[in-house]
């Protein structure tokens, strides 16, 4: 088939590699001038590093370079992706600086993909543009007066240099990993550095008690198994026996150790709710230097509040918080997440993609049940984003090759709606419109591979119970699928 892929991040590059290996004619459209997706130069901010260690944050058939640090920088991740594209002969298939402005179903099947270069017809369209498509900047009253007084209000994706904050009173909105990464770098140059956090999240130290690497806890099947999935299997039944006594005890221990190690009690930064509650939708790695900066007063945190409006005071830009405090704010950087949208799809297509709650009706987060000739690759938030993207590409290739057949439409709708209802309930609505599969990343991988009848050996899964998941364990699946499809022709 002739296939168009939108996006050249992990999902787009891995989809291009898998689908090319399965015999398809692939073109990748990328609106930025470089390969990288969220790691592109157009979106990188000072201090950007991976949340995963390099051993788990890569594609199955190419490890991160040995000289990379344990947690690579954004620039290093982008370089890795570019080298991956070159190694597997994908570079000529990628059209950089080429934004898809319209993609619509074509009469008779397939899609019409429109860019500045014109329109092209393809048999199948793969959306690999990610769930982090457009930065969300909270609207704040008084923005015009704020800017007239010399203030700047911008998303984190537009913060590219410390020169933007040198000698200025800077405020960071948010408390996720991006917000804390940025804050540590800003504190080195700004006149003052303040964090305004609507809600505190639990942070995991890179090394528990300075010894146990975080990857041995949260990046293993056991770590995932501490959270109760919809259906328990194997050792998970033991962890959640007697009202999840063992799992709750282990998570409580993590909470206690984390609180003490990071000094959260003394800093008044213990989040509301337990570790297990907040980790239902997100777990963030502690940024080195953040809590030390709070302790040394170089960083100030205003917790459980937001900016209610911008004001001018003594001729300078300030921010008034919902708790009544007023703080100096020359530059305000919003590290407050992303808005999920697909601007190039027609409204009538989007209506079929969403349910009444605005959640994506995607079977396995891949297959749009009511829209033909369309697939989503890597359209989820996972602890193992590269691996999740790669197995979604395998699912797409298997489906297009007739290697497996999804359930009937009504059954897919039933299963997907039940999953979405469960996700909404367990996360209190913090499920990113049905795309946040954290912490059940490997459950998702297992289910996707189960559909297509491919998987790693049981001994490999047993190893992953205690050791971090290695994408290299899955490197033989694409060649295996290619052989099965060739044999069936």
Protein backbone atom coordinates (compact mmCIF):
# COMPACT_ATOMS: atom_id res chain seq x y z
CA UNK A 1 0.00 0.00 0.00
CA UNK A 2 0.93 3.64 -0.34
CA UNK A 3 0.98 4.94 3.23
CA UNK A 4 1.32 8.48 4.59
CA UNK A 5 2.62 8.93 8.13
CA UNK A 6 2.19 12.27 9.90
CA UNK A 7 4.98 12.98 12.39
CA UNK A 8 8.67 12.09 12.63
CA UNK A 9 9.09 11.35 16.32
CA UNK A 10 9.46 7.89 17.83
CA UNK A 11 6.03 6.80 16.57
CA UNK A 12 6.49 8.10 13.04
CA UNK A 13 10.03 6.79 12.59
CA UNK A 14 9.28 3.34 14.03
CA UNK A 15 6.08 3.10 11.94
CA UNK A 16 8.04 3.99 8.82
CA UNK A 17 10.62 1.31 9.58
CA UNK A 18 8.12 -1.43 10.42
CA UNK A 19 5.74 -0.73 7.52
CA UNK A 20 8.59 -0.42 5.02
CA UNK A 21 9.97 -3.75 6.18
CA UNK A 22 6.51 -5.22 5.63
CA UNK A 23 6.58 -4.09 2.01
CA UNK A 24 4.65 -0.81 1.99
CA UNK A 25 5.53 2.44 0.19
CA UNK A 26 5.86 4.95 3.00
CA UNK A 27 6.12 8.75 3.14
CA UNK A 28 6.56 10.62 6.42
CA UNK A 29 5.37 14.23 6.72
CA UNK A 30 7.00 16.36 9.43
CA UNK A 31 6.20 20.04 9.89
CA UNK A 32 9.42 20.90 11.79
CA UNK A 33 12.86 21.18 10.16
CA UNK A 34 14.24 18.13 11.96
CA UNK A 35 13.50 14.60 13.11
CA UNK A 36 12.55 14.24 16.75
CA UNK A 37 8.91 14.98 17.54
CA UNK A 38 8.78 16.25 21.12
CA UNK A 39 12.60 16.23 21.07
CA UNK A 40 12.81 18.59 18.06
CA UNK A 41 14.92 21.74 18.34
CA UNK A 42 11.67 23.67 17.93
CA UNK A 43 10.33 22.27 21.21
CA UNK A 44 13.36 21.63 23.40
CA UNK A 45 13.86 23.70 26.54
CA UNK A 46 17.01 24.11 28.68
CA UNK A 47 17.42 21.18 31.05
CA UNK A 48 15.30 18.74 29.03
CA UNK A 49 16.17 15.12 29.81
CA UNK A 50 14.39 11.80 29.51
CA UNK A 51 12.29 10.39 32.32
CA UNK A 52 13.45 6.87 31.43
CA UNK A 53 16.98 5.60 31.53
CA UNK A 54 18.56 5.06 28.12
CA UNK A 55 18.21 1.27 28.35
CA UNK A 56 14.42 1.45 28.33
CA UNK A 57 13.95 4.55 26.16
CA UNK A 58 14.90 3.30 22.72
CA UNK A 59 13.59 1.23 19.82
CA UNK A 60 14.05 -2.52 19.75
CA UNK A 61 16.69 -2.75 17.04
CA UNK A 62 19.04 0.08 18.02
CA UNK A 63 20.33 0.85 21.50
CA UNK A 64 21.18 4.34 22.64
CA UNK A 65 24.92 5.06 22.19
CA UNK A 66 27.11 3.68 24.96
CA UNK A 67 28.60 7.11 25.72
CA UNK A 68 25.18 8.63 26.45
CA UNK A 69 24.47 9.30 30.15
CA UNK A 70 21.92 7.23 32.05
CA UNK A 71 19.26 9.88 31.36
CA UNK A 72 19.98 11.37 27.91
CA UNK A 73 19.37 15.00 27.05
CA UNK A 74 16.76 16.13 24.55
CA UNK A 75 19.46 16.87 22.01
CA UNK A 76 20.88 13.35 22.39
CA UNK A 77 17.46 11.73 21.91
CA UNK A 78 16.91 13.71 18.71
CA UNK A 79 20.36 12.68 17.47
CA UNK A 80 19.53 9.04 18.24
CA UNK A 81 16.31 9.24 16.20
CA UNK A 82 18.14 10.86 13.27
CA UNK A 83 20.77 8.11 13.36
CA UNK A 84 18.01 5.47 13.47
CA UNK A 85 16.40 6.92 10.35
CA UNK A 86 19.76 6.94 8.57
CA UNK A 87 20.73 3.41 9.66
CA UNK A 88 17.51 1.87 8.33
CA UNK A 89 17.31 3.90 5.12
CA UNK A 90 14.36 6.04 6.13
CA UNK A 91 15.83 9.50 5.59
CA UNK A 92 14.70 9.78 1.95
CA UNK A 93 11.16 8.86 2.99
CA UNK A 94 10.88 11.81 5.40
CA UNK A 95 9.71 15.21 4.17
CA UNK A 96 10.85 17.80 6.70
CA UNK A 97 9.37 21.30 6.84
CA UNK A 98 6.24 19.83 5.30
CA UNK A 99 3.09 20.42 7.33
CA UNK A 100 -0.09 18.54 6.55
CA UNK A 101 -2.78 21.20 6.30
CA UNK A 102 -5.69 18.97 5.32
CA UNK A 103 -6.20 15.21 5.39
CA UNK A 104 -9.61 13.96 4.34
CA UNK A 105 -11.15 10.69 3.22
CA UNK A 106 -11.06 10.28 -0.55
CA UNK A 107 -13.92 9.07 -2.69
CA UNK A 108 -13.50 5.38 -3.30
CA UNK A 109 -11.22 4.85 -0.30
CA UNK A 110 -7.92 6.08 1.03
CA UNK A 111 -7.05 9.66 1.93
CA UNK A 112 -6.16 12.92 0.27
CA UNK A 113 -3.19 14.46 2.07
CA UNK A 114 -2.65 18.16 1.38
CA UNK A 115 0.57 20.11 2.06
CA UNK A 116 2.05 23.29 0.62
CA UNK A 117 3.40 21.08 -2.17
CA UNK A 118 -0.11 20.00 -3.22
CA UNK A 119 -2.39 17.01 -2.68
CA UNK A 120 -1.45 13.33 -2.74
CA UNK A 121 -3.66 10.27 -2.60
CA UNK A 122 -2.65 7.45 -0.24
CA UNK A 123 -4.25 4.11 0.52
CA UNK A 124 -3.82 4.46 4.28
CA UNK A 125 -3.06 7.28 6.71
CA UNK A 126 -1.13 6.79 9.96
CA UNK A 127 -1.29 9.58 12.54
CA UNK A 128 1.93 9.59 14.54
CA UNK A 129 1.75 13.24 15.51
CA UNK A 130 1.47 12.42 19.21
CA UNK A 131 -0.87 13.37 22.01
CA UNK A 132 1.26 16.40 22.86
CA UNK A 133 0.27 18.45 19.84
CA UNK A 134 -0.35 22.02 21.04
CA UNK A 135 0.85 23.58 24.31
CA UNK A 136 -1.87 24.46 26.78
CA UNK A 137 -1.41 27.98 28.16
CA UNK A 138 -4.00 28.78 30.85
CA UNK A 139 -5.89 31.99 30.08
CA UNK A 140 -5.19 34.70 32.66
CA UNK A 141 -7.02 37.97 33.16
CA UNK A 142 -4.98 41.12 32.58
CA UNK A 143 -2.62 39.76 29.93
CA UNK A 144 -2.65 42.97 27.85
CA UNK A 145 -1.71 45.18 30.79
CA UNK A 146 0.90 42.61 31.82
CA UNK A 147 2.58 42.72 28.41
CA UNK A 148 2.35 46.52 28.26
CA UNK A 149 4.26 46.59 31.56
CA UNK A 150 7.01 44.51 29.93
CA UNK A 151 5.87 41.05 31.05
CA UNK A 152 6.14 37.93 28.92
CA UNK A 153 3.83 34.92 29.06
CA UNK A 154 4.86 31.91 26.98
CA UNK A 155 4.59 28.11 26.84
CA UNK A 156 7.57 25.99 27.84
CA UNK A 157 7.96 24.87 24.22
CA UNK A 158 8.92 28.47 23.31
CA UNK A 159 11.56 28.70 26.04
CA UNK A 160 14.80 27.82 24.25
CA UNK A 161 17.52 29.90 25.91
CA UNK A 162 18.42 31.03 29.41
CA UNK A 163 19.02 34.49 27.94
CA UNK A 164 15.23 34.83 27.95
CA UNK A 165 15.26 34.90 31.78
CA UNK A 166 18.70 36.21 32.69
CA UNK A 167 18.36 38.75 35.51
CA UNK A 168 14.56 38.60 35.40
CA UNK A 169 11.96 37.61 37.96
CA UNK A 170 10.63 34.38 36.50
CA UNK A 171 7.57 32.29 37.33
CA UNK A 172 7.01 28.71 36.18
CA UNK A 173 3.46 27.34 36.11
CA UNK A 174 3.18 23.60 36.74
CA UNK A 175 4.79 20.87 38.80
CA UNK A 176 5.40 18.09 36.30
CA UNK A 177 8.81 16.97 35.15
CA UNK A 178 9.06 19.69 32.48
CA UNK A 179 8.24 22.42 34.99
CA UNK A 180 10.82 21.20 37.49
CA UNK A 181 13.51 20.64 34.83
CA UNK A 182 13.03 24.19 33.57
CA UNK A 183 12.96 25.65 37.06
CA UNK A 184 16.36 24.23 38.01
CA UNK A 185 17.98 25.76 34.93
CA UNK A 186 16.19 29.09 35.33
CA UNK A 187 17.34 29.41 38.94
CA UNK A 188 20.93 29.59 37.70
CA UNK A 189 20.29 32.84 35.81
CA UNK A 190 17.06 34.52 36.95
CA UNK A 191 16.77 37.31 39.52
CA UNK A 192 14.18 35.15 41.29
CA UNK A 193 12.57 31.81 40.47
CA UNK A 194 9.06 30.93 41.58
CA UNK A 195 6.92 27.87 40.91
CA UNK A 196 3.14 28.14 41.02
CA UNK A 197 1.67 24.65 41.30
CA UNK A 198 -2.06 23.98 41.03
CA UNK A 199 -1.44 20.47 42.35
CA UNK A 200 1.67 18.80 43.73
CA UNK A 201 2.69 15.45 42.27
CA UNK A 202 4.73 12.70 43.82
CA UNK A 203 8.32 12.68 42.61
CA UNK A 204 10.52 9.61 42.46
CA UNK A 205 14.23 9.99 43.26
CA UNK A 206 16.55 8.62 40.57
CA UNK A 207 17.99 6.36 43.24
CA UNK A 208 15.96 5.23 46.24
CA UNK A 209 18.04 5.79 49.39
CA UNK A 210 20.84 6.68 47.01
CA UNK A 211 21.25 3.02 46.04
CA UNK A 212 18.29 1.43 44.23
CA UNK A 213 17.83 2.88 40.74
CA UNK A 214 14.26 4.02 40.11
CA UNK A 215 14.17 1.85 36.98
CA UNK A 216 14.14 -1.31 39.13
CA UNK A 217 10.92 -0.18 40.76
CA UNK A 218 8.75 1.65 38.22
CA UNK A 219 10.13 0.27 34.94
CA UNK A 220 9.51 -3.40 35.72
CA UNK A 221 6.44 -5.58 35.51
CA UNK A 222 6.43 -5.82 39.30
CA UNK A 223 6.31 -2.03 39.58
CA UNK A 224 3.37 -1.96 37.19
CA UNK A 225 1.75 -4.84 39.05
CA UNK A 226 1.57 -2.79 42.25
CA UNK A 227 -1.35 -0.94 40.66
CA UNK A 228 -4.56 -2.89 40.25
CA UNK A 229 -5.38 -3.55 36.60
CA UNK A 230 -8.83 -4.41 35.25
CA UNK A 231 -7.95 -8.11 35.14
CA UNK A 232 -5.27 -9.61 37.37
CA UNK A 233 -2.96 -12.37 36.23
CA UNK A 234 -0.19 -14.45 37.75
CA UNK A 235 1.68 -12.83 40.60
CA UNK A 236 -0.63 -9.79 40.46
CA UNK A 237 -3.28 -11.87 42.20
CA UNK A 238 -0.93 -12.31 45.14
CA UNK A 239 -0.03 -8.60 45.27
CA UNK A 240 -3.71 -7.65 45.36
CA UNK A 241 -5.03 -10.40 47.62
CA UNK A 242 -6.80 -9.34 50.82
CA UNK A 243 -7.81 -5.95 49.48
CA UNK A 244 -4.36 -5.31 47.90
CA UNK A 245 -2.61 -5.54 51.25
CA UNK A 246 0.84 -6.38 49.85
CA UNK A 247 0.69 -3.85 46.99
CA UNK A 248 -0.57 -1.07 49.26
CA UNK A 249 2.16 -1.83 51.79
CA UNK A 250 4.89 -1.65 49.15
CA UNK A 251 3.55 1.61 47.70
CA UNK A 252 3.27 3.02 51.21
CA UNK A 253 6.94 2.20 51.75
CA UNK A 254 7.84 4.02 48.55
CA UNK A 255 5.86 7.04 49.74
CA UNK A 256 7.61 7.04 53.10
CA UNK A 257 11.11 6.68 51.69
CA UNK A 258 10.47 9.33 49.02
CA UNK A 259 9.07 11.80 51.57
CA UNK A 260 12.11 11.42 53.80
CA UNK A 261 14.76 11.31 51.08
CA UNK A 262 13.52 14.43 49.29
CA UNK A 263 12.78 16.27 52.55
CA UNK A 264 9.19 16.91 51.52
CA UNK A 265 7.91 17.33 55.08
CA UNK A 266 10.38 20.07 55.97
CA UNK A 267 9.80 21.83 52.64
CA UNK A 268 5.99 21.60 52.98
CA UNK A 269 5.89 19.80 49.64
CA UNK A 270 4.08 16.59 50.59
CA UNK A 271 1.35 16.23 47.95
CA UNK A 272 -2.27 15.88 48.93
CA UNK A 273 -3.37 12.28 48.56
CA UNK A 274 -1.28 9.14 48.75
CA UNK A 275 1.44 8.07 46.35
CA UNK A 276 -0.77 5.29 45.02
CA UNK A 277 -3.65 7.74 44.35
CA UNK A 278 -1.63 10.27 42.38
CA UNK A 279 0.42 7.63 40.58
CA UNK A 280 -2.80 6.31 39.05
CA UNK A 281 -2.35 8.84 36.27
CA UNK A 282 1.22 10.10 36.48
CA UNK A 283 4.58 9.47 38.12
CA UNK A 284 7.31 12.06 37.72
CA UNK A 285 11.03 11.64 38.19
CA UNK A 286 12.55 14.16 40.62
CA UNK A 287 14.76 16.71 38.89
CA UNK A 288 18.25 16.83 40.36
CA UNK A 289 18.70 20.14 42.16
CA UNK A 290 15.02 21.04 42.45
CA UNK A 291 14.38 20.23 46.09
CA UNK A 292 17.88 21.38 46.98
CA UNK A 293 17.01 24.70 45.33
CA UNK A 294 13.83 24.99 47.40
CA UNK A 295 15.79 24.22 50.56
CA UNK A 296 18.37 26.92 49.76
CA UNK A 297 15.62 29.48 48.96
CA UNK A 298 16.81 29.86 45.34
CA UNK A 299 13.45 28.38 44.31
CA UNK A 300 10.12 29.35 45.88
CA UNK A 301 7.08 27.12 45.50
CA UNK A 302 3.51 28.35 45.92
CA UNK A 303 1.49 25.15 46.21
CA UNK A 304 -2.18 24.40 45.59
CA UNK A 305 -2.87 27.68 43.83
CA UNK A 306 -2.92 29.32 40.40
CA UNK A 307 -2.41 32.78 38.91
CA UNK A 308 -5.81 34.47 39.03
CA UNK A 309 -4.76 37.60 37.15
CA UNK A 310 -1.84 39.71 36.01
CA UNK A 311 -1.42 43.16 37.52
CA UNK A 312 0.92 46.12 37.29
CA UNK A 313 2.50 47.20 40.56
CA UNK A 314 5.03 50.00 40.97
CA UNK A 315 5.38 50.10 37.21
CA UNK A 316 6.42 46.45 36.97
CA UNK A 317 4.54 43.29 35.91
CA UNK A 318 3.23 41.12 38.74
CA UNK A 319 1.01 38.07 39.15
CA UNK A 320 -1.78 37.84 41.69
CA UNK A 321 -2.36 34.31 42.96
CA UNK A 322 -5.68 32.75 43.92
CA UNK A 323 -4.45 32.64 47.53
CA UNK A 324 -4.15 36.45 47.53
CA UNK A 325 -0.36 36.74 47.27
CA UNK A 326 1.16 39.04 44.67
CA UNK A 327 4.55 38.18 43.18
CA UNK A 328 6.91 39.88 40.73
CA UNK A 329 6.70 38.23 37.32
CA UNK A 330 8.77 39.56 34.43
CA UNK A 331 8.56 36.24 32.60
CA UNK A 332 5.90 33.57 33.15
CA UNK A 333 6.50 30.16 31.56
CA UNK A 334 3.56 27.77 31.33
CA UNK A 335 4.69 24.16 31.67
CA UNK A 336 1.07 23.12 32.03
CA UNK A 337 0.69 20.32 29.53
CA UNK A 338 -0.75 20.03 26.10
CA UNK A 339 -4.03 20.32 24.23
CA UNK A 340 -4.85 17.27 22.15
CA UNK A 341 -6.08 18.21 18.76
CA UNK A 342 -5.64 17.12 15.16
CA UNK A 343 -6.16 20.39 13.28
CA UNK A 344 -5.85 18.95 9.77
CA UNK A 345 -8.77 16.51 10.09
CA UNK A 346 -12.28 17.60 8.99
CA UNK A 347 -14.90 18.11 11.70
CA UNK A 348 -16.99 15.20 10.42
CA UNK A 349 -14.02 12.85 10.88
CA UNK A 350 -13.26 14.14 14.37
CA UNK A 351 -16.88 13.55 15.37
CA UNK A 352 -16.49 9.87 14.52
CA UNK A 353 -13.22 9.64 16.45
CA UNK A 354 -14.65 10.92 19.74
CA UNK A 355 -17.30 9.71 22.15
CA UNK A 356 -19.81 11.86 24.04
CA UNK A 357 -17.16 12.66 26.68
CA UNK A 358 -14.63 13.86 24.11
CA UNK A 359 -12.49 10.72 24.58
CA UNK A 360 -10.88 9.00 21.62
CA UNK A 361 -12.74 5.91 20.45
CA UNK A 362 -9.63 4.00 19.47
CA UNK A 363 -9.47 0.24 19.79
CA UNK A 364 -6.14 -0.52 21.53
CA UNK A 365 -5.37 3.23 21.19
CA UNK A 366 -4.64 2.39 17.53
CA UNK A 367 -7.72 1.63 15.45
CA UNK A 368 -10.45 4.26 14.84
CA UNK A 369 -13.48 2.02 14.97
CA UNK A 370 -15.70 4.21 12.78
CA UNK A 371 -13.17 5.73 10.34
CA UNK A 372 -11.72 3.52 7.58
CA UNK A 373 -8.17 3.55 6.18
CA UNK A 374 -6.82 5.37 9.23
CA UNK A 375 -4.59 4.28 12.13
CA UNK A 376 -2.94 5.94 15.13
CA UNK A 377 0.64 5.01 16.09
CA UNK A 378 2.03 5.70 19.54
CA UNK A 379 -1.08 7.61 20.50
CA UNK A 380 -0.72 7.03 24.22
CA UNK A 381 1.23 8.21 27.22
CA UNK A 382 3.35 5.27 28.34
CA UNK A 383 6.34 4.49 30.55
CA UNK A 384 7.78 2.85 27.43
CA UNK A 385 6.76 5.24 24.67
CA UNK A 386 9.19 3.98 21.98
CA UNK A 387 8.23 0.34 22.54
CA UNK A 388 4.51 1.19 22.68
CA UNK A 389 4.84 3.05 19.38
CA UNK A 390 6.69 0.18 17.77
CA UNK A 391 4.16 -2.49 18.75
CA UNK A 392 1.33 -0.25 17.54
CA UNK A 393 3.09 -0.15 14.16
CA UNK A 394 3.22 -3.96 14.22
CA UNK A 395 -0.52 -4.07 14.91
CA UNK A 396 -1.15 -1.72 11.97
CA UNK A 397 1.06 -3.78 9.65
CA UNK A 398 -0.60 -7.03 10.74
CA UNK A 399 -4.06 -5.53 10.21
CA UNK A 400 -3.25 -4.13 6.76
CA UNK A 401 -1.73 -7.45 5.75
CA UNK A 402 -4.79 -9.42 6.81
CA UNK A 403 -2.75 -11.28 9.42
CA UNK A 404 -5.34 -10.61 12.10
CA UNK A 405 -8.92 -9.37 12.14
CA UNK A 406 -10.22 -7.10 14.92
CA UNK A 407 -13.55 -7.95 16.57
CA UNK A 408 -16.81 -6.78 14.91
CA UNK A 409 -17.53 -3.06 15.14
CA UNK A 410 -20.11 -3.33 17.94
CA UNK A 411 -17.77 -5.50 20.01
CA UNK A 412 -14.87 -3.06 19.55
CA UNK A 413 -17.13 -0.19 20.58
CA UNK A 414 -18.30 -2.09 23.64
CA UNK A 415 -14.77 -2.98 24.76
CA UNK A 416 -13.42 0.50 24.11
CA UNK A 417 -16.27 2.25 25.93
CA UNK A 418 -15.85 -0.03 28.94
CA UNK A 419 -12.11 0.67 29.01
CA UNK A 420 -12.69 4.43 28.78
CA UNK A 421 -15.25 4.35 31.59
CA UNK A 422 -12.79 2.42 33.77
CA UNK A 423 -9.98 4.88 32.95
CA UNK A 424 -12.14 7.90 33.78
CA UNK A 425 -13.17 6.42 37.10
CA UNK A 426 -9.75 5.25 38.29
CA UNK A 427 -7.99 8.52 37.36
CA UNK A 428 -10.74 10.96 38.31
CA UNK A 429 -10.87 12.06 34.70
CA UNK A 430 -7.09 12.53 34.38
CA UNK A 431 -6.78 10.02 31.55
CA UNK A 432 -5.82 12.37 28.71
CA UNK A 433 -9.02 11.68 26.75
CA UNK A 434 -8.39 7.95 26.87
CA UNK A 435 -4.74 8.02 25.80
CA UNK A 436 -2.99 7.85 29.19
CA UNK A 437 -2.18 4.19 29.82
CA UNK A 438 0.24 4.86 32.69
CA UNK A 439 1.04 2.87 34.78
CA UNK A 440 -0.20 -0.08 32.69
CA UNK A 441 2.25 0.29 29.82
CA UNK A 442 3.26 -3.37 29.56
CA UNK A 443 -0.32 -4.58 29.92
CA UNK A 444 -1.04 -2.51 26.82
CA UNK A 445 1.96 -3.96 24.97
CA UNK A 446 0.82 -7.49 25.86
CA UNK A 447 -2.72 -6.86 24.64
CA UNK A 448 -1.59 -5.34 21.34
CA UNK A 449 0.80 -8.22 20.64
CA UNK A 450 -1.85 -10.71 21.77
CA UNK A 451 -4.14 -9.48 19.01
CA UNK A 452 -1.60 -10.31 16.32
CA UNK A 453 -0.38 -13.57 17.81
CA UNK A 454 3.17 -12.40 18.43
CA UNK A 455 4.95 -12.10 21.73
CA UNK A 456 8.20 -12.62 23.58
CA UNK A 457 8.82 -15.91 25.45
CA UNK A 458 7.46 -16.39 28.97
CA UNK A 459 11.00 -16.51 30.33
CA UNK A 460 11.52 -12.98 28.98
CA UNK A 461 8.41 -11.73 30.76
CA UNK A 462 9.58 -13.47 33.94
CA UNK A 463 12.87 -11.58 33.67
CA UNK A 464 10.96 -8.32 33.15
CA UNK A 465 9.16 -8.91 36.43
CA UNK A 466 12.23 -7.86 38.40
CA UNK A 467 14.46 -6.19 35.79
CA UNK A 468 13.70 -3.12 33.64
CA UNK A 469 11.99 -3.89 30.35
CA UNK A 470 14.46 -3.93 27.45
CA UNK A 471 13.02 -2.99 24.05
CA UNK A 472 15.72 -5.22 22.47
CA UNK A 473 13.75 -8.23 23.73
CA UNK A 474 11.17 -7.37 21.02
CA UNK A 475 13.55 -6.88 18.08
CA UNK A 476 12.65 -10.19 16.35
CA UNK A 477 8.92 -9.49 16.09
CA UNK A 478 8.96 -7.37 12.92
CA UNK A 479 11.00 -9.93 10.90
CA UNK A 480 8.75 -12.68 12.22
CA UNK A 481 5.62 -10.84 11.09
CA UNK A 482 7.21 -10.10 7.70
CA UNK A 483 7.85 -13.82 7.17
CA UNK A 484 4.28 -14.73 8.11
CA UNK A 485 2.84 -12.15 5.72
CA UNK A 486 5.13 -13.28 2.91
CA UNK A 487 4.13 -16.91 3.45
CA UNK A 488 0.44 -16.00 3.29
CA UNK A 489 0.69 -14.24 -0.07
